[in-house]
C-alpha cells in the first residue's frame, strides 16, 4: 500500500492509497459500498445510499462504534459518480467530528481494476483545504487505530485481510 500526500502553498492536497486484494472487483466493490459488509472491517459503519449520482451518502455508526459510545451519522456526503464495479466518486466529510464540519466536504474516489487474480484498489482522497481531515485520514502509523490514527491505510489493510482471510484484524479478540 502506498500513501502519498502532496502539500504546499496553493497546491492541492491529495492522498493516494493503493492495495492489491485477492478478490474480484465485484467482491471488493460490495465490501466497500454494501451495508452488509461495511460494518465488518476498519472502524465499522453502515453505509446508506442508493449510489446514484446526486444521492446522499451516509455512514451510520455500526456495532463497534456504538460499543465505544459513538452513535448516529459518522460520515456524510453525496454520490458524484458511480460505475460499478470500477469507479465510485463521492463528496466525503467526517460528520461525527464536529470540529471538522466547517472544513466542508472533501472528494473521495475509489478505482478498482482486476489484474491476474487480484483487484488493484486505488483510493484517492482530495483533502485540499481540509487539514483536519487530511491529518486524520493519512494514517501516521504512530497512533493507535482505535484512537482514529490508522486512517485509510489501516481501513484498507483491514478490508484486504477480511476479503482474503474471512476475518478482519480489527474484529479479532
N, C-alpha and C. Protein backbone atom coordinates (compact mmCIF):
# COMPACT_ATOMS: atom_id res chain seq x y z
N UNK A 1 0.85 -1.16 0.00
CA UNK A 1 0.00 0.00 0.00
C UNK A 1 0.89 1.22 0.00
N UNK A 2 0.51 2.21 -0.76
CA UNK A 2 1.25 3.45 -0.79
C UNK A 2 0.37 4.58 -0.29
N UNK A 3 0.99 5.54 0.28
CA UNK A 3 0.28 6.73 0.73
C UNK A 3 1.13 7.92 0.36
N UNK A 4 0.59 8.79 -0.46
CA UNK A 4 1.33 9.96 -0.91
C UNK A 4 0.50 11.19 -0.62
N UNK A 5 1.09 12.15 0.01
CA UNK A 5 0.41 13.41 0.26
C UNK A 5 1.26 14.52 -0.33
N UNK A 6 0.68 15.36 -1.15
CA UNK A 6 1.42 16.48 -1.71
C UNK A 6 0.83 17.75 -1.15
N UNK A 7 1.67 18.57 -0.54
CA UNK A 7 1.18 19.79 0.09
C UNK A 7 2.09 20.96 -0.26
N UNK A 8 1.66 22.14 0.07
CA UNK A 8 2.44 23.35 -0.13
C UNK A 8 1.49 24.50 -0.42
N UNK A 9 2.04 25.71 -0.47
CA UNK A 9 1.19 26.86 -0.75
C UNK A 9 0.54 26.73 -2.13
N UNK A 10 -0.74 26.94 -2.18
CA UNK A 10 -1.50 26.90 -3.43
C UNK A 10 -1.40 25.56 -4.17
N UNK A 11 -1.13 24.49 -3.44
CA UNK A 11 -1.04 23.17 -4.05
C UNK A 11 -2.16 22.31 -3.48
N UNK A 12 -2.76 21.55 -4.35
CA UNK A 12 -3.81 20.64 -3.88
C UNK A 12 -3.20 19.61 -2.95
N UNK A 13 -3.95 19.21 -1.97
CA UNK A 13 -3.52 18.17 -1.06
C UNK A 13 -4.31 16.92 -1.39
N UNK A 14 -3.60 15.92 -1.87
CA UNK A 14 -4.25 14.69 -2.32
C UNK A 14 -3.53 13.50 -1.72
N UNK A 15 -4.27 12.59 -1.13
CA UNK A 15 -3.73 11.33 -0.61
C UNK A 15 -4.09 10.22 -1.59
N UNK A 16 -3.13 9.39 -1.90
CA UNK A 16 -3.37 8.24 -2.76
C UNK A 16 -2.95 7.00 -2.01
N UNK A 17 -3.87 6.07 -1.87
CA UNK A 17 -3.61 4.81 -1.17
C UNK A 17 -3.96 3.68 -2.13
N UNK A 18 -3.09 2.68 -2.20
CA UNK A 18 -3.33 1.57 -3.12
C UNK A 18 -3.08 0.25 -2.39
N UNK A 19 -3.95 -0.71 -2.69
CA UNK A 19 -3.81 -2.05 -2.12
C UNK A 19 -4.24 -3.06 -3.18
N UNK A 20 -3.62 -4.22 -3.14
CA UNK A 20 -3.95 -5.31 -4.06
C UNK A 20 -4.63 -6.39 -3.24
N UNK A 21 -5.82 -6.80 -3.66
CA UNK A 21 -6.64 -7.73 -2.89
C UNK A 21 -6.95 -8.95 -3.75
N UNK A 22 -6.74 -10.13 -3.19
CA UNK A 22 -7.04 -11.38 -3.89
C UNK A 22 -8.54 -11.63 -3.85
N UNK A 23 -9.26 -10.89 -4.68
CA UNK A 23 -10.72 -10.98 -4.78
C UNK A 23 -11.12 -10.31 -6.09
N UNK A 24 -12.31 -10.62 -6.55
CA UNK A 24 -12.80 -9.97 -7.76
C UNK A 24 -13.14 -8.51 -7.47
N UNK A 25 -13.19 -7.72 -8.53
CA UNK A 25 -13.57 -6.31 -8.38
C UNK A 25 -14.98 -6.20 -7.80
N UNK A 26 -15.87 -7.08 -8.22
CA UNK A 26 -17.24 -7.03 -7.70
C UNK A 26 -17.27 -7.30 -6.20
N UNK A 27 -16.47 -8.24 -5.74
CA UNK A 27 -16.43 -8.54 -4.30
C UNK A 27 -15.86 -7.36 -3.51
N UNK A 28 -14.82 -6.73 -4.03
CA UNK A 28 -14.25 -5.55 -3.37
C UNK A 28 -15.27 -4.42 -3.37
N UNK A 29 -15.93 -4.21 -4.50
CA UNK A 29 -16.97 -3.18 -4.62
C UNK A 29 -18.04 -3.38 -3.55
N UNK A 30 -18.52 -4.61 -3.45
CA UNK A 30 -19.56 -4.91 -2.46
C UNK A 30 -19.07 -4.61 -1.05
N UNK A 31 -17.84 -4.98 -0.76
CA UNK A 31 -17.29 -4.75 0.59
C UNK A 31 -17.16 -3.25 0.89
N UNK A 32 -16.88 -2.46 -0.12
CA UNK A 32 -16.74 -1.01 0.07
C UNK A 32 -18.07 -0.30 0.24
N UNK A 33 -19.11 -0.79 -0.44
CA UNK A 33 -20.33 0.02 -0.56
C UNK A 33 -21.62 -0.68 -0.14
N UNK A 34 -21.55 -1.90 0.32
CA UNK A 34 -22.75 -2.63 0.74
C UNK A 34 -22.88 -2.61 2.26
N UNK A 35 -24.05 -2.23 2.78
CA UNK A 35 -24.24 -2.21 4.23
C UNK A 35 -23.99 -3.58 4.88
N UNK A 36 -24.13 -4.65 4.13
CA UNK A 36 -23.87 -5.98 4.68
C UNK A 36 -22.39 -6.20 4.98
N UNK A 37 -21.51 -5.41 4.37
CA UNK A 37 -20.07 -5.56 4.53
C UNK A 37 -19.42 -4.45 5.35
N UNK A 38 -19.88 -3.22 5.22
CA UNK A 38 -19.12 -2.07 5.71
C UNK A 38 -18.93 -2.00 7.22
N UNK A 39 -19.69 -2.75 7.97
CA UNK A 39 -19.52 -2.76 9.43
C UNK A 39 -18.56 -3.87 9.87
N UNK A 40 -17.99 -4.61 8.92
CA UNK A 40 -17.18 -5.77 9.26
C UNK A 40 -15.68 -5.51 9.29
N UNK A 41 -15.23 -4.31 8.93
CA UNK A 41 -13.80 -4.01 8.90
C UNK A 41 -13.57 -2.55 9.23
N UNK A 42 -12.30 -2.20 9.44
CA UNK A 42 -11.94 -0.82 9.74
C UNK A 42 -12.62 -0.34 11.01
N UNK A 43 -13.07 0.88 10.99
CA UNK A 43 -13.75 1.45 12.14
C UNK A 43 -15.20 1.01 12.20
N UNK A 44 -15.68 0.37 11.14
CA UNK A 44 -17.06 -0.10 11.08
C UNK A 44 -17.99 1.04 10.73
N UNK A 45 -19.16 0.69 10.34
CA UNK A 45 -20.16 1.68 9.96
C UNK A 45 -21.05 1.11 8.89
N UNK A 46 -22.27 1.56 8.86
CA UNK A 46 -23.27 1.04 7.93
C UNK A 46 -23.58 2.12 6.90
N UNK A 47 -23.28 1.81 5.64
CA UNK A 47 -23.48 2.74 4.54
C UNK A 47 -24.95 2.80 4.15
N UNK A 48 -25.43 4.03 3.91
CA UNK A 48 -26.79 4.25 3.42
C UNK A 48 -26.71 5.15 2.19
N UNK A 49 -27.05 4.60 1.02
CA UNK A 49 -27.13 5.37 -0.21
C UNK A 49 -27.67 4.48 -1.30
N UNK A 50 -28.34 5.07 -2.27
CA UNK A 50 -28.77 4.27 -3.42
C UNK A 50 -27.71 4.31 -4.53
N UNK A 51 -26.59 4.99 -4.27
CA UNK A 51 -25.41 5.03 -5.14
C UNK A 51 -25.66 5.65 -6.52
N UNK A 52 -26.69 6.46 -6.65
CA UNK A 52 -26.90 7.17 -7.90
C UNK A 52 -26.35 8.59 -7.76
N UNK A 53 -25.76 9.13 -8.83
CA UNK A 53 -25.22 10.49 -8.76
C UNK A 53 -26.27 11.48 -8.25
N UNK A 54 -25.84 12.30 -7.30
CA UNK A 54 -26.72 13.28 -6.68
C UNK A 54 -27.36 12.78 -5.39
N UNK A 55 -27.32 11.47 -5.15
CA UNK A 55 -27.92 10.90 -3.94
C UNK A 55 -27.04 11.19 -2.73
N UNK A 56 -27.66 11.28 -1.58
CA UNK A 56 -26.89 11.45 -0.35
C UNK A 56 -26.16 10.15 -0.03
N UNK A 57 -25.05 10.29 0.67
CA UNK A 57 -24.26 9.15 1.10
C UNK A 57 -24.00 9.35 2.59
N UNK A 58 -24.34 8.37 3.37
CA UNK A 58 -24.19 8.48 4.82
C UNK A 58 -23.67 7.17 5.38
N UNK A 59 -22.79 7.28 6.35
CA UNK A 59 -22.35 6.11 7.10
C UNK A 59 -22.78 6.31 8.54
N UNK A 60 -23.50 5.35 9.05
CA UNK A 60 -24.02 5.37 10.41
C UNK A 60 -23.11 4.51 11.29
N UNK A 61 -22.94 4.91 12.53
CA UNK A 61 -22.12 4.14 13.47
C UNK A 61 -22.62 2.70 13.53
N UNK A 62 -21.68 1.77 13.36
CA UNK A 62 -22.00 0.35 13.44
C UNK A 62 -21.81 -0.18 14.85
N UNK A 63 -21.86 -1.48 14.97
CA UNK A 63 -21.79 -2.11 16.29
C UNK A 63 -20.54 -1.74 17.08
N UNK A 64 -19.38 -1.79 16.43
CA UNK A 64 -18.13 -1.47 17.13
C UNK A 64 -18.08 -0.04 17.61
N UNK A 65 -18.51 0.88 16.76
CA UNK A 65 -18.52 2.29 17.14
C UNK A 65 -19.52 2.54 18.26
N UNK A 66 -20.69 1.91 18.16
CA UNK A 66 -21.71 2.09 19.19
C UNK A 66 -21.21 1.56 20.52
N UNK A 67 -20.46 0.47 20.50
CA UNK A 67 -19.89 -0.08 21.74
C UNK A 67 -18.91 0.90 22.37
N UNK A 68 -18.29 1.74 21.53
CA UNK A 68 -17.36 2.76 22.02
C UNK A 68 -18.06 4.08 22.34
N UNK A 69 -19.40 4.11 22.23
CA UNK A 69 -20.15 5.30 22.58
C UNK A 69 -20.44 6.24 21.43
N UNK A 70 -20.09 5.86 20.21
CA UNK A 70 -20.35 6.70 19.04
C UNK A 70 -21.69 6.28 18.44
N UNK A 71 -22.56 7.24 18.21
CA UNK A 71 -23.88 6.93 17.63
C UNK A 71 -24.17 7.88 16.49
N UNK A 72 -25.16 7.52 15.70
CA UNK A 72 -25.63 8.41 14.63
C UNK A 72 -24.74 8.42 13.42
N UNK A 73 -24.82 9.51 12.66
CA UNK A 73 -24.07 9.67 11.43
C UNK A 73 -22.60 9.93 11.73
N UNK A 74 -21.71 9.16 11.09
CA UNK A 74 -20.27 9.38 11.27
C UNK A 74 -19.65 10.02 10.03
N UNK A 75 -20.17 9.70 8.85
CA UNK A 75 -19.70 10.27 7.60
C UNK A 75 -20.91 10.68 6.78
N UNK A 76 -20.81 11.85 6.11
CA UNK A 76 -21.87 12.22 5.18
C UNK A 76 -21.25 12.76 3.90
N UNK A 77 -22.07 12.84 2.88
CA UNK A 77 -21.61 13.34 1.59
C UNK A 77 -22.65 13.09 0.53
N UNK A 78 -22.18 13.12 -0.72
CA UNK A 78 -23.07 12.94 -1.86
C UNK A 78 -22.36 12.12 -2.93
N UNK A 79 -23.13 11.29 -3.60
CA UNK A 79 -22.59 10.49 -4.70
C UNK A 79 -22.36 11.41 -5.89
N UNK A 80 -21.14 11.37 -6.46
CA UNK A 80 -20.80 12.17 -7.62
C UNK A 80 -20.83 11.31 -8.88
N UNK A 81 -20.26 10.12 -8.79
CA UNK A 81 -20.16 9.22 -9.95
C UNK A 81 -20.19 7.78 -9.46
N UNK A 82 -20.87 6.92 -10.21
CA UNK A 82 -20.96 5.51 -9.83
C UNK A 82 -20.92 4.65 -11.10
N UNK A 83 -19.86 3.85 -11.24
CA UNK A 83 -19.67 2.96 -12.38
C UNK A 83 -19.26 1.58 -11.85
N UNK A 84 -20.24 0.80 -11.35
CA UNK A 84 -19.91 -0.49 -10.74
C UNK A 84 -19.30 -1.47 -11.74
N UNK A 85 -18.40 -2.30 -11.34
CA UNK A 85 -17.61 -2.27 -10.11
C UNK A 85 -16.24 -1.63 -10.33
N UNK A 86 -16.20 -0.54 -11.07
CA UNK A 86 -14.92 0.06 -11.43
C UNK A 86 -14.59 1.37 -10.73
N UNK A 87 -15.56 2.25 -10.58
CA UNK A 87 -15.24 3.59 -10.09
C UNK A 87 -16.41 4.15 -9.29
N UNK A 88 -16.06 4.74 -8.15
CA UNK A 88 -17.05 5.40 -7.32
C UNK A 88 -16.44 6.69 -6.79
N UNK A 89 -17.15 7.80 -6.98
CA UNK A 89 -16.68 9.10 -6.52
C UNK A 89 -17.77 9.71 -5.64
N UNK A 90 -17.35 10.29 -4.53
CA UNK A 90 -18.30 10.92 -3.63
C UNK A 90 -17.66 12.11 -2.95
N UNK A 91 -18.50 13.03 -2.46
CA UNK A 91 -18.01 14.01 -1.51
C UNK A 91 -18.03 13.31 -0.16
N UNK A 92 -17.15 13.73 0.74
CA UNK A 92 -16.95 12.98 1.98
C UNK A 92 -16.57 13.95 3.09
N UNK A 93 -17.22 13.77 4.23
CA UNK A 93 -16.91 14.58 5.41
C UNK A 93 -17.08 13.73 6.65
N UNK A 94 -16.12 13.83 7.57
CA UNK A 94 -16.23 13.11 8.83
C UNK A 94 -17.18 13.90 9.73
N UNK A 95 -18.46 13.61 9.59
CA UNK A 95 -19.52 14.36 10.25
C UNK A 95 -19.46 14.24 11.77
N UNK A 96 -19.03 13.07 12.25
CA UNK A 96 -19.02 12.85 13.70
C UNK A 96 -18.03 13.76 14.42
N UNK A 97 -17.04 14.29 13.70
CA UNK A 97 -16.05 15.19 14.30
C UNK A 97 -16.55 16.63 14.10
N UNK A 98 -17.28 17.11 15.07
CA UNK A 98 -17.91 18.42 14.96
C UNK A 98 -16.91 19.53 14.60
N UNK A 99 -15.69 19.40 15.13
CA UNK A 99 -14.68 20.42 14.86
C UNK A 99 -14.21 20.42 13.40
N UNK A 100 -14.53 19.37 12.64
CA UNK A 100 -14.12 19.30 11.24
C UNK A 100 -15.23 19.68 10.26
N UNK A 101 -16.43 19.81 10.74
CA UNK A 101 -17.55 20.10 9.82
C UNK A 101 -17.35 21.38 9.04
N UNK A 102 -16.73 22.39 9.67
CA UNK A 102 -16.52 23.67 8.99
C UNK A 102 -15.52 23.56 7.84
N UNK A 103 -14.72 22.49 7.80
CA UNK A 103 -13.79 22.31 6.68
C UNK A 103 -14.54 21.97 5.39
N UNK A 104 -15.79 21.59 5.53
CA UNK A 104 -16.58 21.25 4.36
C UNK A 104 -16.31 19.84 3.87
N UNK A 105 -16.71 19.59 2.64
CA UNK A 105 -16.62 18.26 2.07
C UNK A 105 -15.32 18.09 1.29
N UNK A 106 -14.78 16.90 1.37
CA UNK A 106 -13.61 16.52 0.59
C UNK A 106 -14.11 15.61 -0.53
N UNK A 107 -13.21 15.15 -1.39
CA UNK A 107 -13.62 14.30 -2.51
C UNK A 107 -12.86 12.97 -2.44
N UNK A 108 -13.62 11.90 -2.47
CA UNK A 108 -13.08 10.55 -2.33
C UNK A 108 -13.39 9.76 -3.60
N UNK A 109 -12.36 9.12 -4.17
CA UNK A 109 -12.52 8.34 -5.39
C UNK A 109 -11.97 6.94 -5.17
N UNK A 110 -12.78 5.94 -5.46
CA UNK A 110 -12.34 4.54 -5.45
C UNK A 110 -12.24 4.08 -6.90
N UNK A 111 -11.10 3.50 -7.27
CA UNK A 111 -10.94 2.91 -8.59
C UNK A 111 -10.50 1.47 -8.42
N UNK A 112 -11.20 0.55 -9.10
CA UNK A 112 -10.91 -0.88 -8.99
C UNK A 112 -10.56 -1.42 -10.36
N UNK A 113 -9.49 -2.21 -10.40
CA UNK A 113 -9.07 -2.83 -11.66
C UNK A 113 -8.64 -4.26 -11.38
N UNK A 114 -9.25 -5.21 -12.11
CA UNK A 114 -8.88 -6.61 -11.96
C UNK A 114 -7.62 -6.89 -12.77
N UNK A 115 -6.68 -7.57 -12.12
CA UNK A 115 -5.41 -7.95 -12.74
C UNK A 115 -5.09 -9.38 -12.32
N UNK A 116 -4.91 -10.28 -13.21
CA UNK A 116 -4.43 -11.64 -12.93
C UNK A 116 -4.75 -12.17 -11.52
N UNK A 117 -6.00 -12.28 -11.18
CA UNK A 117 -6.40 -12.88 -9.91
C UNK A 117 -6.45 -11.95 -8.71
N UNK A 118 -6.14 -10.69 -8.91
CA UNK A 118 -6.24 -9.72 -7.82
C UNK A 118 -6.94 -8.47 -8.33
N UNK A 119 -7.44 -7.69 -7.41
CA UNK A 119 -8.01 -6.39 -7.76
C UNK A 119 -7.14 -5.31 -7.15
N UNK A 120 -6.73 -4.38 -8.01
CA UNK A 120 -6.00 -3.21 -7.52
C UNK A 120 -7.04 -2.17 -7.15
N UNK A 121 -7.04 -1.80 -5.88
CA UNK A 121 -7.94 -0.77 -5.36
C UNK A 121 -7.11 0.48 -5.09
N UNK A 122 -7.45 1.55 -5.77
CA UNK A 122 -6.79 2.84 -5.54
C UNK A 122 -7.81 3.79 -4.95
N UNK A 123 -7.50 4.30 -3.79
CA UNK A 123 -8.35 5.28 -3.12
C UNK A 123 -7.62 6.62 -3.20
N UNK A 124 -8.26 7.60 -3.81
CA UNK A 124 -7.68 8.94 -3.90
C UNK A 124 -8.58 9.88 -3.11
N UNK A 125 -7.98 10.56 -2.14
CA UNK A 125 -8.75 11.45 -1.27
C UNK A 125 -8.19 12.86 -1.43
N UNK A 126 -8.97 13.72 -2.06
CA UNK A 126 -8.60 15.13 -2.22
C UNK A 126 -9.05 15.86 -0.97
N UNK A 127 -8.08 16.23 -0.14
CA UNK A 127 -8.37 16.90 1.13
C UNK A 127 -7.88 18.35 1.11
N UNK A 128 -7.85 18.93 -0.08
CA UNK A 128 -7.45 20.32 -0.23
C UNK A 128 -8.33 21.21 0.64
N UNK A 129 -7.71 22.06 1.42
CA UNK A 129 -8.44 22.98 2.29
C UNK A 129 -9.05 22.34 3.51
N UNK A 130 -8.70 21.09 3.79
CA UNK A 130 -9.26 20.37 4.94
C UNK A 130 -8.13 19.70 5.72
N UNK A 131 -7.29 20.49 6.39
CA UNK A 131 -6.13 19.93 7.08
C UNK A 131 -6.48 18.96 8.20
N UNK A 132 -7.60 19.16 8.86
CA UNK A 132 -8.02 18.23 9.91
C UNK A 132 -8.38 16.88 9.34
N UNK A 133 -9.14 16.89 8.24
CA UNK A 133 -9.48 15.64 7.56
C UNK A 133 -8.20 14.96 7.05
N UNK A 134 -7.30 15.76 6.48
CA UNK A 134 -6.05 15.21 5.94
C UNK A 134 -5.25 14.51 7.02
N UNK A 135 -5.15 15.12 8.18
CA UNK A 135 -4.38 14.53 9.27
C UNK A 135 -5.00 13.22 9.76
N UNK A 136 -6.32 13.20 9.88
CA UNK A 136 -6.99 12.00 10.38
C UNK A 136 -6.96 10.84 9.38
N UNK A 137 -7.06 11.14 8.10
CA UNK A 137 -7.17 10.07 7.13
C UNK A 137 -5.82 9.57 6.61
N UNK A 138 -4.75 10.35 6.79
CA UNK A 138 -3.44 9.96 6.27
C UNK A 138 -2.89 8.72 6.95
N UNK A 139 -3.20 8.56 8.24
CA UNK A 139 -2.69 7.40 8.97
C UNK A 139 -1.21 7.50 9.23
N UNK A 140 -0.85 8.18 10.29
CA UNK A 140 0.56 8.41 10.59
C UNK A 140 1.28 7.12 10.94
N UNK A 141 0.53 6.12 11.40
CA UNK A 141 1.17 4.88 11.81
C UNK A 141 1.65 4.94 13.25
N UNK A 142 1.70 6.13 13.83
CA UNK A 142 2.18 6.28 15.19
C UNK A 142 1.05 6.19 16.21
N UNK A 143 -0.17 6.46 15.78
CA UNK A 143 -1.31 6.45 16.68
C UNK A 143 -2.01 5.11 16.62
N UNK A 144 -2.66 4.77 17.69
CA UNK A 144 -3.44 3.54 17.70
C UNK A 144 -4.65 3.69 16.80
N UNK A 145 -4.91 2.71 15.93
CA UNK A 145 -6.09 2.80 15.07
C UNK A 145 -7.38 2.99 15.86
N UNK A 146 -7.47 2.40 17.05
CA UNK A 146 -8.69 2.55 17.84
C UNK A 146 -8.93 4.02 18.20
N UNK A 147 -7.87 4.81 18.22
CA UNK A 147 -8.00 6.23 18.53
C UNK A 147 -8.18 7.06 17.26
N UNK A 148 -8.29 6.41 16.12
CA UNK A 148 -8.51 7.11 14.87
C UNK A 148 -7.23 7.40 14.10
N UNK A 149 -6.11 6.92 14.58
CA UNK A 149 -4.83 7.26 13.95
C UNK A 149 -4.45 6.41 12.76
N UNK A 150 -5.18 5.36 12.48
CA UNK A 150 -4.79 4.48 11.39
C UNK A 150 -5.18 4.98 10.02
N UNK A 151 -6.22 5.79 9.95
CA UNK A 151 -6.65 6.38 8.70
C UNK A 151 -6.94 5.38 7.60
N UNK A 152 -6.85 5.86 6.35
CA UNK A 152 -7.13 5.00 5.20
C UNK A 152 -6.19 3.79 5.11
N UNK A 153 -4.89 3.92 5.40
CA UNK A 153 -4.05 2.73 5.32
C UNK A 153 -4.55 1.59 6.22
N UNK A 154 -5.00 1.93 7.40
CA UNK A 154 -5.49 0.92 8.34
C UNK A 154 -6.80 0.32 7.83
N UNK A 155 -7.71 1.16 7.36
CA UNK A 155 -9.00 0.68 6.86
C UNK A 155 -8.81 -0.24 5.67
N UNK A 156 -7.98 0.17 4.70
CA UNK A 156 -7.77 -0.64 3.50
C UNK A 156 -7.03 -1.94 3.81
N UNK A 157 -6.09 -1.89 4.73
CA UNK A 157 -5.40 -3.12 5.13
C UNK A 157 -6.38 -4.09 5.79
N UNK A 158 -7.28 -3.57 6.60
CA UNK A 158 -8.26 -4.41 7.27
C UNK A 158 -9.27 -4.99 6.27
N UNK A 159 -9.67 -4.19 5.28
CA UNK A 159 -10.53 -4.67 4.21
C UNK A 159 -9.84 -5.81 3.47
N UNK A 160 -8.57 -5.63 3.15
CA UNK A 160 -7.79 -6.67 2.48
C UNK A 160 -7.78 -7.95 3.31
N UNK A 161 -7.50 -7.83 4.58
CA UNK A 161 -7.46 -9.00 5.47
C UNK A 161 -8.80 -9.71 5.51
N UNK A 162 -9.88 -8.95 5.62
CA UNK A 162 -11.22 -9.53 5.66
C UNK A 162 -11.51 -10.31 4.38
N UNK A 163 -11.25 -9.71 3.24
CA UNK A 163 -11.58 -10.37 1.98
C UNK A 163 -10.70 -11.58 1.69
N UNK A 164 -9.46 -11.54 2.17
CA UNK A 164 -8.55 -12.66 1.88
C UNK A 164 -8.60 -13.77 2.93
N UNK A 165 -8.99 -13.46 4.16
CA UNK A 165 -8.99 -14.48 5.21
C UNK A 165 -10.36 -14.79 5.79
N UNK A 166 -11.31 -13.89 5.58
CA UNK A 166 -12.64 -14.07 6.13
C UNK A 166 -12.83 -13.39 7.48
N UNK A 167 -11.74 -12.87 8.07
CA UNK A 167 -11.84 -12.20 9.37
C UNK A 167 -10.99 -10.95 9.34
N UNK A 168 -11.57 -9.82 9.68
CA UNK A 168 -10.82 -8.58 9.76
C UNK A 168 -9.98 -8.56 11.03
N UNK A 169 -8.77 -8.02 10.94
CA UNK A 169 -7.94 -7.96 12.15
C UNK A 169 -8.52 -7.03 13.19
N UNK A 170 -9.31 -6.05 12.78
CA UNK A 170 -9.92 -5.13 13.74
C UNK A 170 -11.00 -5.82 14.58
N UNK A 171 -11.44 -6.99 14.17
CA UNK A 171 -12.50 -7.69 14.88
C UNK A 171 -11.98 -8.91 15.65
N UNK A 172 -10.67 -9.14 15.59
CA UNK A 172 -10.11 -10.28 16.30
C UNK A 172 -9.91 -9.94 17.76
N UNK A 173 -10.16 -10.93 18.61
CA UNK A 173 -10.02 -10.69 20.07
C UNK A 173 -8.58 -10.80 20.49
